[in-house]
Amino acid sequence: MPHNLNLSYGTRKALAVHVGEVAGNEIATLIQQLAAEIKELKRNKVNVTRVVPAAIEEDENQLAPQLEFEHF
């Protein structure tokens, strides 16, 4: 994983100054890991085709508002 994935030196420095060097480095590392994970998820994204017929979906949409007001 690239060490400075989308984080500039200024960003890392600001984190270190405002929350401390150790915590800033942990936050920067976490942000980098999350960015890498998002990039991986986007790369592996697949399109999903719904298999529910439109008529059944419309019936469910009409029932949804009624179910919101029922108390169990």
N, C-alpha and C. Protein backbone atom coordinates (compact mmCIF):
# COMPACT_ATOMS: atom_id res chain seq x y z
N MET A 1 0.85 -1.17 0.00
CA MET A 1 0.00 0.00 0.00
C MET A 1 0.90 1.23 0.00
N PRO A 2 0.61 2.21 -0.87
CA PRO A 2 1.41 3.43 -0.87
C PRO A 2 1.30 4.14 0.47
N HIS A 3 2.40 4.68 0.94
CA HIS A 3 2.44 5.25 2.28
C HIS A 3 1.59 6.52 2.41
N ASN A 4 1.57 7.39 1.41
CA ASN A 4 0.83 8.65 1.50
C ASN A 4 -0.36 8.68 0.56
N LEU A 5 -1.16 7.66 0.54
CA LEU A 5 -2.31 7.56 -0.34
C LEU A 5 -3.28 8.71 -0.09
N ASN A 6 -3.27 9.70 -0.96
CA ASN A 6 -4.18 10.85 -0.92
C ASN A 6 -4.01 11.75 0.30
N LEU A 7 -2.97 11.63 1.06
CA LEU A 7 -2.74 12.52 2.20
C LEU A 7 -1.46 13.30 1.96
N SER A 8 -1.59 14.61 1.97
CA SER A 8 -0.41 15.45 1.76
C SER A 8 0.40 15.56 3.06
N TYR A 9 1.60 16.04 2.91
CA TYR A 9 2.44 16.28 4.09
C TYR A 9 1.75 17.26 5.02
N GLY A 10 1.14 18.30 4.46
CA GLY A 10 0.45 19.30 5.27
C GLY A 10 -0.68 18.71 6.10
N THR A 11 -1.41 17.79 5.50
CA THR A 11 -2.50 17.12 6.22
C THR A 11 -1.97 16.29 7.37
N ARG A 12 -0.93 15.52 7.09
CA ARG A 12 -0.33 14.70 8.15
C ARG A 12 0.24 15.58 9.26
N LYS A 13 0.87 16.68 8.88
CA LYS A 13 1.46 17.60 9.86
C LYS A 13 0.36 18.24 10.71
N ALA A 14 -0.74 18.66 10.08
CA ALA A 14 -1.85 19.27 10.82
C ALA A 14 -2.43 18.28 11.83
N LEU A 15 -2.58 17.04 11.44
CA LEU A 15 -3.06 16.02 12.38
C LEU A 15 -2.10 15.88 13.55
N ALA A 16 -0.82 15.83 13.25
CA ALA A 16 0.18 15.67 14.31
C ALA A 16 0.17 16.86 15.26
N VAL A 17 0.00 18.07 14.74
CA VAL A 17 0.00 19.27 15.57
C VAL A 17 -1.25 19.34 16.44
N HIS A 18 -2.40 19.02 15.88
CA HIS A 18 -3.66 19.21 16.59
C HIS A 18 -4.04 18.08 17.53
N VAL A 19 -3.65 16.86 17.23
CA VAL A 19 -4.03 15.74 18.11
C VAL A 19 -2.82 15.00 18.66
N GLY A 20 -1.65 15.44 18.32
CA GLY A 20 -0.44 14.78 18.79
C GLY A 20 0.13 13.89 17.70
N GLU A 21 1.44 13.67 17.79
CA GLU A 21 2.12 12.94 16.73
C GLU A 21 1.66 11.49 16.63
N VAL A 22 1.57 10.81 17.76
CA VAL A 22 1.18 9.39 17.73
C VAL A 22 -0.25 9.23 17.24
N ALA A 23 -1.18 10.01 17.83
CA ALA A 23 -2.58 9.92 17.42
C ALA A 23 -2.76 10.37 15.98
N GLY A 24 -2.05 11.42 15.59
CA GLY A 24 -2.13 11.91 14.21
C GLY A 24 -1.68 10.86 13.21
N ASN A 25 -0.60 10.16 13.55
CA ASN A 25 -0.12 9.09 12.67
C ASN A 25 -1.11 7.94 12.60
N GLU A 26 -1.73 7.61 13.72
CA GLU A 26 -2.74 6.55 13.73
C GLU A 26 -3.93 6.92 12.87
N ILE A 27 -4.39 8.17 13.00
CA ILE A 27 -5.53 8.64 12.21
C ILE A 27 -5.17 8.64 10.72
N ALA A 28 -3.98 9.14 10.39
CA ALA A 28 -3.54 9.18 9.00
C ALA A 28 -3.46 7.77 8.42
N THR A 29 -2.94 6.84 9.19
CA THR A 29 -2.84 5.45 8.73
C THR A 29 -4.22 4.86 8.52
N LEU A 30 -5.14 5.12 9.45
CA LEU A 30 -6.51 4.63 9.31
C LEU A 30 -7.16 5.20 8.06
N ILE A 31 -6.99 6.50 7.82
CA ILE A 31 -7.55 7.13 6.62
C ILE A 31 -6.98 6.48 5.37
N GLN A 32 -5.69 6.22 5.37
CA GLN A 32 -5.05 5.58 4.22
C GLN A 32 -5.61 4.18 3.99
N GLN A 33 -5.80 3.43 5.07
CA GLN A 33 -6.34 2.07 4.94
C GLN A 33 -7.77 2.10 4.43
N LEU A 34 -8.57 3.05 4.94
CA LEU A 34 -9.95 3.17 4.47
C LEU A 34 -10.00 3.57 3.01
N ALA A 35 -9.13 4.49 2.59
CA ALA A 35 -9.07 4.90 1.19
C ALA A 35 -8.70 3.73 0.30
N ALA A 36 -7.74 2.92 0.73
CA ALA A 36 -7.34 1.75 -0.04
C ALA A 36 -8.49 0.73 -0.12
N GLU A 37 -9.21 0.55 0.98
CA GLU A 37 -10.34 -0.38 1.00
C GLU A 37 -11.45 0.11 0.06
N ILE A 38 -11.75 1.40 0.08
CA ILE A 38 -12.76 1.96 -0.81
C ILE A 38 -12.35 1.77 -2.26
N LYS A 39 -11.08 2.03 -2.55
CA LYS A 39 -10.58 1.85 -3.91
C LYS A 39 -10.75 0.40 -4.35
N GLU A 40 -10.44 -0.54 -3.48
CA GLU A 40 -10.59 -1.97 -3.78
C GLU A 40 -12.06 -2.33 -3.99
N LEU A 41 -12.95 -1.81 -3.15
CA LEU A 41 -14.38 -2.10 -3.30
C LEU A 41 -14.91 -1.54 -4.61
N LYS A 42 -14.49 -0.35 -4.98
CA LYS A 42 -14.92 0.24 -6.26
C LYS A 42 -14.42 -0.59 -7.43
N ARG A 43 -13.21 -1.10 -7.33
CA ARG A 43 -12.64 -1.89 -8.42
C ARG A 43 -13.39 -3.22 -8.57
N ASN A 44 -13.86 -3.78 -7.47
CA ASN A 44 -14.54 -5.08 -7.51
C ASN A 44 -16.06 -4.97 -7.57
N LYS A 45 -16.57 -3.76 -7.72
CA LYS A 45 -18.01 -3.53 -7.72
C LYS A 45 -18.66 -4.25 -8.91
N VAL A 46 -19.81 -4.84 -8.66
CA VAL A 46 -20.57 -5.49 -9.73
C VAL A 46 -21.97 -4.91 -9.75
N ASN A 47 -22.59 -4.93 -10.91
CA ASN A 47 -23.97 -4.48 -11.02
C ASN A 47 -24.90 -5.61 -10.61
N VAL A 48 -25.97 -5.27 -9.92
CA VAL A 48 -26.94 -6.25 -9.45
C VAL A 48 -28.24 -6.03 -10.20
N THR A 49 -28.75 -7.07 -10.81
CA THR A 49 -30.02 -6.99 -11.51
C THR A 49 -31.10 -7.53 -10.60
N ARG A 50 -32.13 -6.73 -10.39
CA ARG A 50 -33.23 -7.17 -9.54
C ARG A 50 -34.05 -8.22 -10.26
N VAL A 51 -34.47 -9.23 -9.55
CA VAL A 51 -35.25 -10.31 -10.14
C VAL A 51 -36.69 -10.29 -9.66
N VAL A 52 -37.06 -9.30 -8.87
CA VAL A 52 -38.42 -9.18 -8.36
C VAL A 52 -39.27 -8.52 -9.45
N PRO A 53 -40.38 -9.13 -9.84
CA PRO A 53 -41.24 -8.50 -10.84
C PRO A 53 -41.74 -7.14 -10.35
N ALA A 54 -41.95 -6.22 -11.27
CA ALA A 54 -42.35 -4.85 -10.94
C ALA A 54 -43.67 -4.82 -10.18
N ALA A 55 -44.62 -5.67 -10.51
CA ALA A 55 -45.93 -5.67 -9.84
C ALA A 55 -45.79 -5.99 -8.36
N ILE A 56 -44.96 -6.94 -8.01
CA ILE A 56 -44.75 -7.29 -6.60
C ILE A 56 -44.07 -6.14 -5.88
N GLU A 57 -43.10 -5.51 -6.54
CA GLU A 57 -42.39 -4.39 -5.94
C GLU A 57 -43.34 -3.23 -5.66
N GLU A 58 -44.28 -2.96 -6.59
CA GLU A 58 -45.24 -1.88 -6.39
C GLU A 58 -46.14 -2.18 -5.20
N ASP A 59 -46.58 -3.44 -5.06
CA ASP A 59 -47.42 -3.82 -3.92
C ASP A 59 -46.68 -3.59 -2.60
N GLU A 60 -45.40 -3.93 -2.56
CA GLU A 60 -44.61 -3.73 -1.35
C GLU A 60 -44.47 -2.25 -1.03
N ASN A 61 -44.29 -1.42 -2.06
CA ASN A 61 -44.17 0.02 -1.84
C ASN A 61 -45.47 0.61 -1.31
N GLN A 62 -46.62 0.06 -1.71
CA GLN A 62 -47.89 0.56 -1.22
C GLN A 62 -48.12 0.14 0.23
N LEU A 63 -47.61 -1.01 0.62
CA LEU A 63 -47.78 -1.49 1.99
C LEU A 63 -46.85 -0.81 2.98
N ALA A 64 -45.72 -0.34 2.52
CA ALA A 64 -44.72 0.23 3.42
C ALA A 64 -45.27 1.38 4.25
N PRO A 65 -45.98 2.37 3.68
CA PRO A 65 -46.49 3.46 4.53
C PRO A 65 -47.48 2.97 5.58
N GLN A 66 -48.28 1.94 5.25
CA GLN A 66 -49.24 1.42 6.21
C GLN A 66 -48.53 0.74 7.37
N LEU A 67 -47.47 0.04 7.10
CA LEU A 67 -46.74 -0.67 8.14
C LEU A 67 -46.03 0.28 9.09
N GLU A 68 -45.67 1.46 8.62
CA GLU A 68 -44.98 2.43 9.47
C GLU A 68 -45.86 2.89 10.63
N PHE A 69 -47.19 2.93 10.42
CA PHE A 69 -48.08 3.47 11.43
C PHE A 69 -48.66 2.40 12.36
N GLU A 70 -48.41 1.15 12.08
CA GLU A 70 -48.89 0.10 12.96
C GLU A 70 -47.95 -0.08 14.13
N HIS A 71 -48.50 -0.26 15.29
CA HIS A 71 -47.69 -0.48 16.49
C HIS A 71 -47.88 -1.91 16.96
N PHE A 72 -46.80 -2.57 17.22
CA PHE A 72 -46.87 -3.96 17.66
C PHE A 72 -46.60 -4.05 19.13
